[in-house]
Amino acid sequence: LSPFFTAGICSNLAWLTVWPFDVVKTKKQSGKFEGRSVMWLLRDTVRTGDMYRGLSVGLVRSFFANGISMEVYTRVEKELKIVFNDR
């Protein structure tokens, strides 16, 4: 696979594992849940079905952002090796 697809797939796998915690963190930072514990927020997130809310948009953004970044990194690295004769 190309660096673009490798980075895109890896970033999406990472987001799939941490997304629910990011949702809880965002709720905590919103200030709407003063005095509520992280565990309460996690249970509320599961109960209301918000656990993966916005995930599809986040995965698309992550796939392209990380894929393009890795493609640029790989191309720059290749060019620098040519310039500095470090093959």
N, C-alpha and C. Protein backbone atom coordinates (compact mmCIF):
# COMPACT_ATOMS: atom_id res chain seq x y z
N LEU A 1 0.83 -1.19 0.00
CA LEU A 1 0.00 0.00 0.00
C LEU A 1 0.87 1.25 0.00
N SER A 2 0.35 2.29 -0.56
CA SER A 2 1.09 3.56 -0.61
C SER A 2 1.09 4.21 0.78
N PRO A 3 2.01 5.14 1.00
CA PRO A 3 2.02 5.86 2.29
C PRO A 3 0.69 6.55 2.59
N PHE A 4 0.03 7.04 1.55
CA PHE A 4 -1.26 7.71 1.71
C PHE A 4 -2.28 6.78 2.37
N PHE A 5 -2.43 5.58 1.80
CA PHE A 5 -3.43 4.64 2.32
C PHE A 5 -3.01 4.06 3.67
N THR A 6 -1.73 3.80 3.84
CA THR A 6 -1.25 3.27 5.11
C THR A 6 -1.53 4.25 6.25
N ALA A 7 -1.20 5.51 6.05
CA ALA A 7 -1.44 6.52 7.08
C ALA A 7 -2.92 6.73 7.32
N GLY A 8 -3.70 6.74 6.25
CA GLY A 8 -5.14 6.92 6.39
C GLY A 8 -5.79 5.80 7.18
N ILE A 9 -5.42 4.58 6.87
CA ILE A 9 -5.98 3.42 7.57
C ILE A 9 -5.54 3.41 9.04
N CYS A 10 -4.25 3.65 9.27
CA CYS A 10 -3.75 3.65 10.66
C CYS A 10 -4.40 4.74 11.50
N SER A 11 -4.56 5.92 10.93
CA SER A 11 -5.17 7.00 11.70
C SER A 11 -6.63 6.68 12.02
N ASN A 12 -7.34 6.06 11.08
CA ASN A 12 -8.72 5.70 11.35
C ASN A 12 -8.83 4.62 12.42
N LEU A 13 -7.92 3.67 12.41
CA LEU A 13 -7.93 2.65 13.46
C LEU A 13 -7.68 3.28 14.83
N ALA A 14 -6.77 4.24 14.86
CA ALA A 14 -6.51 4.94 16.13
C ALA A 14 -7.74 5.70 16.60
N TRP A 15 -8.39 6.43 15.69
CA TRP A 15 -9.57 7.20 16.07
C TRP A 15 -10.72 6.30 16.53
N LEU A 16 -10.86 5.14 15.89
CA LEU A 16 -11.93 4.22 16.29
C LEU A 16 -11.78 3.80 17.75
N THR A 17 -10.55 3.69 18.22
CA THR A 17 -10.33 3.25 19.60
C THR A 17 -10.52 4.37 20.61
N VAL A 18 -10.21 5.60 20.25
CA VAL A 18 -10.27 6.70 21.23
C VAL A 18 -11.47 7.62 21.07
N TRP A 19 -12.25 7.45 20.02
CA TRP A 19 -13.36 8.37 19.77
C TRP A 19 -14.31 8.52 20.95
N PRO A 20 -14.78 7.42 21.58
CA PRO A 20 -15.70 7.59 22.72
C PRO A 20 -15.10 8.44 23.83
N PHE A 21 -13.81 8.29 24.11
CA PHE A 21 -13.16 9.08 25.14
C PHE A 21 -13.05 10.54 24.73
N ASP A 22 -12.88 10.79 23.44
CA ASP A 22 -12.82 12.16 22.95
C ASP A 22 -14.19 12.83 23.08
N VAL A 23 -15.24 12.06 22.86
CA VAL A 23 -16.60 12.60 23.03
C VAL A 23 -16.81 12.98 24.50
N VAL A 24 -16.39 12.12 25.41
CA VAL A 24 -16.53 12.40 26.84
C VAL A 24 -15.70 13.64 27.22
N LYS A 25 -14.47 13.72 26.70
CA LYS A 25 -13.60 14.87 26.98
C LYS A 25 -14.26 16.17 26.49
N THR A 26 -14.84 16.13 25.31
CA THR A 26 -15.48 17.31 24.75
C THR A 26 -16.68 17.72 25.60
N LYS A 27 -17.46 16.73 26.06
CA LYS A 27 -18.59 17.05 26.94
C LYS A 27 -18.10 17.70 28.23
N LYS A 28 -17.03 17.16 28.79
CA LYS A 28 -16.48 17.69 30.04
C LYS A 28 -16.00 19.13 29.85
N GLN A 29 -15.35 19.39 28.72
CA GLN A 29 -14.83 20.73 28.44
C GLN A 29 -15.92 21.74 28.09
N SER A 30 -17.10 21.26 27.72
CA SER A 30 -18.17 22.17 27.30
C SER A 30 -18.70 23.02 28.46
N GLY A 31 -18.52 22.55 29.67
CA GLY A 31 -19.02 23.28 30.82
C GLY A 31 -20.48 23.03 31.11
N LYS A 32 -21.15 22.23 30.31
CA LYS A 32 -22.57 21.95 30.52
C LYS A 32 -22.80 20.87 31.58
N PHE A 33 -21.73 20.21 32.00
CA PHE A 33 -21.86 19.10 32.92
C PHE A 33 -21.02 19.33 34.18
N GLU A 34 -21.11 20.53 34.74
CA GLU A 34 -20.37 20.87 35.96
C GLU A 34 -20.72 19.89 37.08
N GLY A 35 -19.72 19.43 37.76
CA GLY A 35 -19.94 18.54 38.90
C GLY A 35 -20.13 17.08 38.53
N ARG A 36 -20.15 16.77 37.26
CA ARG A 36 -20.33 15.38 36.83
C ARG A 36 -18.96 14.73 36.65
N SER A 37 -18.86 13.47 37.05
CA SER A 37 -17.60 12.75 36.91
C SER A 37 -17.43 12.25 35.47
N VAL A 38 -16.22 11.88 35.16
CA VAL A 38 -15.94 11.33 33.83
C VAL A 38 -16.70 10.03 33.64
N MET A 39 -16.79 9.21 34.69
CA MET A 39 -17.54 7.94 34.58
C MET A 39 -19.02 8.20 34.31
N TRP A 40 -19.59 9.23 34.97
CA TRP A 40 -20.98 9.57 34.72
C TRP A 40 -21.16 10.00 33.26
N LEU A 41 -20.23 10.82 32.78
CA LEU A 41 -20.30 11.29 31.40
C LEU A 41 -20.18 10.12 30.42
N LEU A 42 -19.31 9.17 30.71
CA LEU A 42 -19.15 8.00 29.84
C LEU A 42 -20.44 7.19 29.81
N ARG A 43 -21.04 6.95 30.97
CA ARG A 43 -22.31 6.21 31.01
C ARG A 43 -23.42 6.97 30.28
N ASP A 44 -23.46 8.29 30.47
CA ASP A 44 -24.47 9.11 29.79
C ASP A 44 -24.26 9.08 28.27
N THR A 45 -23.02 9.09 27.85
CA THR A 45 -22.71 9.05 26.42
C THR A 45 -23.19 7.74 25.81
N VAL A 46 -22.98 6.64 26.52
CA VAL A 46 -23.45 5.32 26.05
C VAL A 46 -24.97 5.29 26.04
N ARG A 47 -25.59 5.77 27.13
CA ARG A 47 -27.05 5.74 27.27
C ARG A 47 -27.75 6.54 26.19
N THR A 48 -27.21 7.71 25.86
CA THR A 48 -27.87 8.58 24.88
C THR A 48 -27.52 8.23 23.43
N GLY A 49 -26.57 7.32 23.25
CA GLY A 49 -26.19 6.91 21.90
C GLY A 49 -25.24 7.87 21.22
N ASP A 50 -24.61 8.74 21.99
CA ASP A 50 -23.68 9.72 21.42
C ASP A 50 -22.25 9.21 21.30
N MET A 51 -22.04 7.95 21.65
CA MET A 51 -20.68 7.43 21.74
C MET A 51 -19.89 7.60 20.44
N TYR A 52 -20.53 7.40 19.32
CA TYR A 52 -19.84 7.52 18.04
C TYR A 52 -20.43 8.64 17.18
N ARG A 53 -21.01 9.61 17.83
CA ARG A 53 -21.60 10.75 17.12
C ARG A 53 -20.50 11.55 16.42
N GLY A 54 -20.67 11.80 15.13
CA GLY A 54 -19.71 12.56 14.36
C GLY A 54 -18.52 11.76 13.87
N LEU A 55 -18.54 10.46 14.12
CA LEU A 55 -17.39 9.62 13.78
C LEU A 55 -17.12 9.59 12.28
N SER A 56 -18.14 9.47 11.46
CA SER A 56 -17.91 9.35 10.01
C SER A 56 -17.18 10.58 9.45
N VAL A 57 -17.60 11.75 9.87
CA VAL A 57 -16.94 12.97 9.42
C VAL A 57 -15.50 13.02 9.93
N GLY A 58 -15.31 12.63 11.17
CA GLY A 58 -13.98 12.61 11.75
C GLY A 58 -13.05 11.63 11.03
N LEU A 59 -13.59 10.47 10.66
CA LEU A 59 -12.76 9.48 9.96
C LEU A 59 -12.38 9.95 8.57
N VAL A 60 -13.29 10.59 7.87
CA VAL A 60 -12.97 11.11 6.53
C VAL A 60 -11.89 12.17 6.64
N ARG A 61 -12.04 13.11 7.59
CA ARG A 61 -11.05 14.15 7.78
C ARG A 61 -9.69 13.55 8.15
N SER A 62 -9.72 12.62 9.07
CA SER A 62 -8.48 12.00 9.54
C SER A 62 -7.79 11.23 8.42
N PHE A 63 -8.57 10.50 7.63
CA PHE A 63 -7.99 9.71 6.54
C PHE A 63 -7.23 10.60 5.56
N PHE A 64 -7.88 11.65 5.12
CA PHE A 64 -7.23 12.53 4.14
C PHE A 64 -6.11 13.36 4.75
N ALA A 65 -6.32 13.91 5.92
CA ALA A 65 -5.29 14.74 6.54
C ALA A 65 -4.01 13.95 6.80
N ASN A 66 -4.15 12.77 7.39
CA ASN A 66 -2.97 11.96 7.69
C ASN A 66 -2.39 11.30 6.45
N GLY A 67 -3.25 10.92 5.52
CA GLY A 67 -2.76 10.33 4.27
C GLY A 67 -1.93 11.33 3.47
N ILE A 68 -2.44 12.53 3.34
CA ILE A 68 -1.71 13.56 2.60
C ILE A 68 -0.42 13.93 3.33
N SER A 69 -0.49 14.04 4.63
CA SER A 69 0.72 14.37 5.41
C SER A 69 1.81 13.33 5.21
N MET A 70 1.44 12.07 5.25
CA MET A 70 2.45 11.02 5.09
C MET A 70 2.99 10.98 3.66
N GLU A 71 2.14 11.25 2.69
CA GLU A 71 2.59 11.29 1.30
C GLU A 71 3.60 12.43 1.11
N VAL A 72 3.31 13.59 1.66
CA VAL A 72 4.24 14.73 1.57
C VAL A 72 5.54 14.40 2.30
N TYR A 73 5.43 13.85 3.49
CA TYR A 73 6.62 13.47 4.26
C TYR A 73 7.50 12.51 3.46
N THR A 74 6.89 11.50 2.86
CA THR A 74 7.64 10.51 2.11
C THR A 74 8.33 11.13 0.90
N ARG A 75 7.65 11.99 0.20
CA ARG A 75 8.25 12.64 -0.98
C ARG A 75 9.39 13.58 -0.59
N VAL A 76 9.20 14.35 0.48
CA VAL A 76 10.25 15.24 0.95
C VAL A 76 11.46 14.43 1.40
N GLU A 77 11.22 13.35 2.12
CA GLU A 77 12.31 12.49 2.57
C GLU A 77 13.10 11.94 1.38
N LYS A 78 12.40 11.50 0.36
CA LYS A 78 13.06 10.97 -0.84
C LYS A 78 13.91 12.04 -1.51
N GLU A 79 13.37 13.24 -1.65
CA GLU A 79 14.11 14.34 -2.28
C GLU A 79 15.34 14.74 -1.46
N LEU A 80 15.19 14.78 -0.15
CA LEU A 80 16.32 15.13 0.70
C LEU A 80 17.43 14.09 0.63
N LYS A 81 17.06 12.82 0.51
CA LYS A 81 18.07 11.77 0.37
C LYS A 81 18.84 11.95 -0.93
N ILE A 82 18.15 12.37 -1.99
CA ILE A 82 18.82 12.62 -3.26
C ILE A 82 19.77 13.80 -3.13
N VAL A 83 19.30 14.87 -2.53
CA VAL A 83 20.12 16.09 -2.39
C VAL A 83 21.36 15.81 -1.54
N PHE A 84 21.21 15.03 -0.48
CA PHE A 84 22.34 14.79 0.42
C PHE A 84 23.04 13.46 0.17
N ASN A 85 22.75 12.84 -0.98
CA ASN A 85 23.39 11.58 -1.40
C ASN A 85 23.31 10.50 -0.33
N ASP A 86 22.18 10.39 0.31
CA ASP A 86 21.98 9.38 1.35
C ASP A 86 20.89 8.44 0.91
N ARG A 87 21.25 7.51 0.07
CA ARG A 87 20.25 6.59 -0.49
C ARG A 87 20.13 5.43 0.44
